[in-house]
Amino acid sequence: MGILSRASYVVRSKVNALLNRAEDPTESLDYSYEQMRDELQDVKQGIADLTTQKKRLEIQKRKLEENVEKHNRQAREAVQQDRDDLARKALEKKKSKMTQIEELEGQIADLNNTQEQLVEKKNKLQNRIEEFRTKKETMKARYEAAEASTRVSEAMTGVGDEMEDVSRSIERAEERTEEMEARSEAMDELEDSGAFEDALSDKDSIDRELESLSTNSEVDAELETLKGELGKGESSNGDAAVSDEDVDAELEDIESEIDADDLESDLDGDANADLDEELDVELEESESQADEKRN
């Protein structure tokens, strides 16, 4: 096989594959049905033309038969008038017309046979067309049902081209969602760990630590003030560190004083209610300060 032959074969195979993919069976069946109907119409037209030709020959035959009768009359009249020469000529014409009539009868017979054959073929072709029409509609219904079933199956399994695009979209959306969720969790973790500074504040970690120390100093000063008010304050130059035993002893003293005050309050009645509330508040604050120092 030469290069040109191989190239031609490859081109034909490619074109045939493209045509197979582009071909719609329902359209092909409809086209074949129309072609068969066109053939049937051609056969009917041929029968009509043949019948017309036969009718012309029959008309011509009738005219010849009329001429034969005419020549018969002419021959009789010529014999009656003793004109054998005219009678002979009339009979010769009659003979010629009879020969033509015989030829026409043969042609008409042939046309009749042809017409009968065409009519028979036409009937067979018409029956085949009707059978093909029934089969065509059945095949179209089966194909459309199979096509619909295939589309439904592809949609359910995600195998079709359109469903493949939908599946890819869902996968991309899931990937983006998981990425955003992971990013959100990472931001929360970094924010909880203090790795990120507050975007709305100009304070850094050192400033916040100093503020915490300042708050603790203020609490210590308030505790010293409270202790001074209760007569338990130490000298201004006392040690900064307080042991747990000292704190516990101070709390016991305060509770003893509060119990005594409560007893007096019960004896005095409602007049000292306000003082009891103030002592309770001071006791809670003292316990809170003591716990902070212990820690």
Protein backbone atom coordinates (compact mmCIF):
# COMPACT_ATOMS: atom_id res chain seq x y z
CA MET A 1 0.00 0.00 0.00
CA GLY A 2 1.44 3.33 -1.09
CA ILE A 3 1.65 6.50 0.94
CA LEU A 4 -1.28 8.10 -0.86
CA SER A 5 -3.41 4.98 -0.42
CA ARG A 6 -2.60 4.82 3.28
CA ALA A 7 -3.35 8.54 3.70
CA SER A 8 -6.64 8.12 1.86
CA TYR A 9 -7.53 5.13 4.06
CA VAL A 10 -6.70 7.05 7.24
CA VAL A 11 -8.75 10.06 6.12
CA ARG A 12 -11.74 7.87 5.24
CA SER A 13 -11.54 6.06 8.58
CA LYS A 14 -11.37 9.35 10.50
CA VAL A 15 -14.30 10.79 8.54
CA ASN A 16 -16.28 7.59 9.07
CA ALA A 17 -15.63 7.74 12.84
CA LEU A 18 -16.76 11.37 12.96
CA LEU A 19 -19.89 10.53 10.98
CA ASN A 20 -20.68 7.61 13.30
CA ARG A 21 -20.44 9.90 16.33
CA ALA A 22 -22.51 12.61 14.67
CA GLU A 23 -25.13 10.26 13.23
CA ASP A 24 -28.54 10.22 14.87
CA PRO A 25 -30.25 6.83 14.29
CA THR A 26 -33.72 8.38 14.40
CA GLU A 27 -32.80 10.89 11.71
CA SER A 28 -31.24 8.11 9.59
CA LEU A 29 -34.42 6.04 9.84
CA ASP A 30 -36.58 9.00 8.86
CA TYR A 31 -34.29 9.74 5.91
CA SER A 32 -34.40 6.11 4.71
CA TYR A 33 -38.18 6.14 4.98
CA GLU A 34 -38.37 9.29 2.88
CA GLN A 35 -36.05 7.75 0.29
CA MET A 36 -38.28 4.69 0.00
CA ARG A 37 -41.32 6.90 -0.39
CA ASP A 38 -39.55 8.81 -3.16
CA GLU A 39 -38.81 5.51 -4.91
CA LEU A 40 -42.46 4.52 -4.60
CA GLN A 41 -43.47 7.83 -6.09
CA ASP A 42 -41.09 7.26 -9.01
CA VAL A 43 -42.61 3.82 -9.62
CA LYS A 44 -46.11 5.31 -9.56
CA GLN A 45 -45.01 8.00 -12.00
CA GLY A 46 -43.52 5.33 -14.28
CA ILE A 47 -46.78 3.35 -14.21
CA ALA A 48 -48.72 6.51 -15.04
CA ASP A 49 -46.42 7.28 -17.97
CA LEU A 50 -46.67 3.69 -19.23
CA THR A 51 -50.43 3.75 -18.97
CA THR A 52 -50.53 7.01 -20.89
CA GLN A 53 -48.41 5.51 -23.65
CA LYS A 54 -50.64 2.42 -23.79
CA LYS A 55 -53.74 4.61 -24.07
CA ARG A 56 -52.19 6.45 -27.01
CA LEU A 57 -51.53 3.15 -28.80
CA GLU A 58 -55.06 1.99 -28.09
CA ILE A 59 -56.44 5.23 -29.55
CA GLN A 60 -54.22 4.79 -32.60
CA LYS A 61 -55.42 1.17 -32.94
CA ARG A 62 -59.06 2.26 -32.85
CA LYS A 63 -58.40 4.76 -35.64
CA LEU A 64 -56.75 2.05 -37.74
CA GLU A 65 -59.69 -0.26 -37.15
CA GLU A 66 -62.01 2.48 -38.30
CA ASN A 67 -59.90 2.85 -41.44
CA VAL A 68 -60.11 -0.88 -42.04
CA GLU A 69 -63.91 -0.69 -41.99
CA LYS A 70 -63.75 2.29 -44.28
CA HIS A 71 -61.53 0.47 -46.79
CA ASN A 72 -63.92 -2.49 -46.66
CA ARG A 73 -66.80 -0.26 -47.68
CA GLN A 74 -64.73 1.34 -50.41
CA ALA A 75 -63.81 -2.06 -51.83
CA ARG A 76 -67.46 -3.22 -51.90
CA GLU A 77 -68.59 -0.04 -53.59
CA ALA A 78 -65.79 -0.33 -56.18
CA VAL A 79 -66.79 -3.99 -56.94
CA GLN A 80 -70.42 -2.97 -57.28
CA GLN A 81 -69.34 -0.32 -59.81
CA ASP A 82 -67.11 -2.78 -61.64
CA ARG A 83 -64.01 -0.87 -60.60
CA ASP A 84 -61.73 -3.68 -59.65
CA ASP A 85 -58.75 -1.37 -59.72
CA LEU A 86 -60.25 0.84 -57.00
CA ALA A 87 -61.34 -2.19 -55.05
CA ARG A 88 -57.79 -3.53 -55.19
CA LYS A 89 -56.36 -0.26 -53.87
CA ALA A 90 -58.88 -0.16 -51.03
CA LEU A 91 -58.04 -3.73 -50.08
CA GLU A 92 -54.30 -2.96 -50.17
CA LYS A 93 -54.87 -0.06 -47.78
CA LYS A 94 -56.98 -2.34 -45.61
CA LYS A 95 -54.14 -4.85 -45.52
CA SER A 96 -51.63 -2.20 -44.53
CA LYS A 97 -53.87 -0.98 -41.73
CA MET A 98 -54.39 -4.53 -40.52
CA THR A 99 -50.61 -4.98 -40.33
CA GLN A 100 -50.26 -1.79 -38.29
CA ILE A 101 -53.07 -2.94 -36.02
CA GLU A 102 -51.25 -6.21 -35.39
CA GLU A 103 -48.05 -4.34 -34.52
CA LEU A 104 -49.95 -2.00 -32.19
CA GLU A 105 -51.63 -4.95 -30.52
CA GLY A 106 -48.18 -6.47 -29.83
CA GLN A 107 -46.91 -3.19 -28.39
CA ILE A 108 -50.02 -2.78 -26.30
CA ALA A 109 -49.63 -6.33 -25.01
CA ASP A 110 -46.02 -5.64 -24.07
CA LEU A 111 -47.06 -2.43 -22.29
CA ASN A 112 -49.75 -4.33 -20.44
CA ASN A 113 -47.21 -6.88 -19.24
CA THR A 114 -44.83 -4.13 -18.19
CA GLN A 115 -47.63 -2.28 -16.47
CA GLU A 116 -48.68 -5.38 -14.55
CA GLN A 117 -45.08 -5.98 -13.46
CA LEU A 118 -44.71 -2.37 -12.34
CA VAL A 119 -47.99 -2.51 -10.45
CA GLU A 120 -46.88 -5.68 -8.71
CA LYS A 121 -43.52 -4.13 -7.81
CA LYS A 122 -45.30 -1.03 -6.66
CA ASN A 123 -47.51 -3.05 -4.37
CA LYS A 124 -44.53 -4.94 -2.96
CA LEU A 125 -42.60 -1.74 -2.45
CA GLN A 126 -45.58 -0.13 -0.77
CA ASN A 127 -45.91 -3.10 1.57
CA ARG A 128 -42.22 -2.91 2.37
CA ILE A 129 -42.53 0.78 3.06
CA GLU A 130 -45.39 0.16 5.45
CA GLU A 131 -43.40 -2.56 7.21
CA PHE A 132 -40.36 -0.31 7.36
CA ARG A 133 -42.51 2.51 8.74
CA THR A 134 -43.75 0.28 11.55
CA LYS A 135 -40.26 -0.97 12.29
CA LYS A 136 -38.91 2.58 12.08
CA GLU A 137 -41.32 3.87 14.68
CA THR A 138 -40.55 0.89 16.92
CA MET A 139 -36.80 1.44 16.59
CA LYS A 140 -37.18 5.16 17.27
CA ALA A 141 -39.20 4.47 20.40
CA ARG A 142 -36.61 1.95 21.61
CA TYR A 143 -33.74 4.30 20.88
CA GLU A 144 -35.39 7.24 22.61
CA ALA A 145 -36.19 5.06 25.64
CA ALA A 146 -32.61 3.76 25.76
CA GLU A 147 -31.27 7.31 25.37
CA ALA A 148 -33.48 8.59 28.20
CA SER A 149 -32.46 5.66 30.41
CA THR A 150 -28.80 6.33 29.65
CA ARG A 151 -29.14 10.00 30.53
CA VAL A 152 -30.83 9.12 33.83
CA SER A 153 -28.14 6.54 34.64
CA GLU A 154 -25.37 9.00 33.80
CA ALA A 155 -27.03 11.64 35.95
CA MET A 156 -27.36 9.26 38.90
CA THR A 157 -23.82 7.88 38.62
CA GLY A 158 -22.16 11.16 37.58
CA VAL A 159 -20.59 9.55 34.50
CA GLY A 160 -22.02 11.91 31.88
CA ASP A 161 -20.17 14.96 30.58
CA GLU A 162 -22.46 17.47 32.28
CA MET A 163 -22.54 15.55 35.56
CA GLU A 164 -18.76 15.29 35.41
CA ASP A 165 -18.57 19.08 35.40
CA VAL A 166 -21.01 19.19 38.33
CA SER A 167 -18.92 16.64 40.24
CA ARG A 168 -15.79 18.67 39.65
CA SER A 169 -17.54 21.80 40.88
CA ILE A 170 -18.61 19.99 44.05
CA GLU A 171 -15.08 18.71 44.62
CA ARG A 172 -13.62 22.19 44.17
CA ALA A 173 -16.22 23.64 46.54
CA GLU A 174 -15.40 20.98 49.16
CA GLU A 175 -11.67 21.66 48.82
CA ARG A 176 -12.21 25.40 49.21
CA THR A 177 -14.50 24.85 52.21
CA GLU A 178 -12.00 22.57 53.94
CA GLU A 179 -9.22 25.06 53.23
CA MET A 180 -11.23 27.94 54.71
CA GLU A 181 -12.17 25.85 57.77
CA ALA A 182 -8.52 24.94 58.35
CA ARG A 183 -7.51 28.59 57.94
CA SER A 184 -10.20 29.70 60.40
CA GLU A 185 -9.04 27.16 62.99
CA ALA A 186 -5.42 28.26 62.49
CA MET A 187 -6.38 31.91 63.01
CA ASP A 188 -8.25 31.05 66.21
CA GLU A 189 -5.31 29.06 67.52
CA LEU A 190 -2.82 31.84 66.77
CA GLU A 191 -5.10 34.42 68.31
CA ASP A 192 -5.52 32.35 71.48
CA SER A 193 -1.78 31.89 71.76
CA GLY A 194 -1.23 35.62 71.51
CA ALA A 195 0.86 35.34 68.37
CA PHE A 196 -1.18 38.07 66.70
CA GLU A 197 -1.31 41.60 68.10
CA ASP A 198 -4.60 43.38 68.30
CA ALA A 199 -4.98 45.25 65.02
CA LEU A 200 -6.95 48.04 66.71
CA SER A 201 -4.41 48.54 69.54
CA ASP A 202 -0.92 50.02 69.42
CA LYS A 203 0.15 48.05 72.52
CA ASP A 204 2.57 45.19 72.25
CA SER A 205 3.14 42.24 74.59
CA ILE A 206 5.50 44.28 76.82
CA ASP A 207 2.89 46.99 77.30
CA ARG A 208 0.27 44.43 78.24
CA GLU A 209 2.65 42.75 80.72
CA LEU A 210 3.45 46.10 82.35
CA GLU A 211 -0.25 46.85 82.63
CA SER A 212 -0.74 43.51 84.38
CA LEU A 213 2.02 44.35 86.86
CA SER A 214 0.51 47.77 87.46
CA THR A 215 -2.87 46.17 88.15
CA ASN A 216 -1.29 43.81 90.67
CA SER A 217 0.44 46.76 92.38
CA GLU A 218 -2.85 48.60 92.67
CA VAL A 219 -4.45 45.50 94.21
CA ASP A 220 -1.59 45.20 96.71
CA ALA A 221 -1.94 48.87 97.65
CA GLU A 222 -5.68 48.48 98.17
CA LEU A 223 -5.03 45.45 100.37
CA GLU A 224 -2.58 47.41 102.49
CA THR A 225 -5.13 50.19 102.84
CA LEU A 226 -7.78 47.73 103.95
CA LYS A 227 -5.44 46.16 106.46
CA GLY A 228 -4.53 49.61 107.80
CA GLU A 229 -8.18 50.44 108.26
CA LEU A 230 -8.66 47.20 110.20
CA GLY A 231 -5.57 47.87 112.34
CA LYS A 232 -3.65 45.00 110.82
CA GLY A 233 -1.40 47.00 108.59
CA GLU A 234 2.34 46.63 108.76
CA SER A 235 4.93 49.33 108.62
CA SER A 236 5.38 51.06 105.33
CA ASN A 237 8.80 49.51 105.06
CA GLY A 238 7.58 45.94 105.71
CA ASP A 239 8.65 42.94 103.75
CA ALA A 240 6.96 42.55 100.38
CA ALA A 241 6.73 38.80 100.71
CA VAL A 242 4.09 37.41 103.08
CA SER A 243 4.06 33.79 104.16
CA ASP A 244 1.00 31.59 104.02
CA GLU A 245 0.96 31.31 107.85
CA ASP A 246 0.86 35.09 108.21
CA VAL A 247 -1.99 35.36 105.74
CA ASP A 248 -3.95 32.62 107.48
CA ALA A 249 -3.37 34.30 110.87
CA GLU A 250 -4.59 37.64 109.52
CA LEU A 251 -7.71 36.00 108.07
CA GLU A 252 -8.47 34.32 111.40
CA ASP A 253 -8.13 37.64 113.21
CA ILE A 254 -10.45 39.31 110.72
CA GLU A 255 -13.01 36.53 111.03
CA SER A 256 -12.86 36.80 114.85
CA GLU A 257 -13.45 40.52 114.67
CA ILE A 258 -16.32 40.00 112.21
CA ASP A 259 -17.89 37.36 114.47
CA ALA A 260 -17.71 39.77 117.39
CA ASP A 261 -19.20 42.51 115.30
CA ASP A 262 -21.96 40.14 114.17
CA LEU A 263 -22.76 39.36 117.81
CA GLU A 264 -22.99 43.04 118.63
CA SER A 265 -25.04 43.58 115.52
CA ASP A 266 -27.55 40.98 116.65
CA LEU A 267 -27.83 42.70 120.02
CA ASP A 268 -28.13 46.18 118.60
CA GLY A 269 -30.64 45.20 115.93
CA ASP A 270 -31.09 46.81 112.60
CA ALA A 271 -29.06 49.89 113.53
CA ASN A 272 -25.79 48.10 112.74
CA ALA A 273 -26.97 46.29 109.56
CA ASP A 274 -25.00 48.57 107.31
CA LEU A 275 -21.82 47.95 109.28
CA ASP A 276 -22.26 44.16 108.89
CA GLU A 277 -22.56 44.49 105.13
CA GLU A 278 -19.44 46.62 104.97
CA LEU A 279 -17.53 44.08 107.06
CA ASP A 280 -18.69 41.22 104.81
CA VAL A 281 -17.49 43.07 101.74
CA GLU A 282 -14.16 43.85 103.35
CA LEU A 283 -13.80 40.24 104.44
CA GLU A 284 -14.41 38.96 100.90
CA GLU A 285 -11.92 41.44 99.47
CA SER A 286 -9.34 40.47 102.12
CA GLU A 287 -9.77 36.77 101.35
CA SER A 288 -9.44 37.48 97.65
CA GLN A 289 -6.24 39.49 98.16
CA ALA A 290 -4.86 36.79 100.41
CA ASP A 291 -5.52 34.10 97.86
CA GLU A 292 -3.77 36.16 95.19
CA LYS A 293 -0.72 36.61 97.41
CA ARG A 294 -0.69 32.91 98.24
CA ASN A 295 -0.77 32.04 94.59
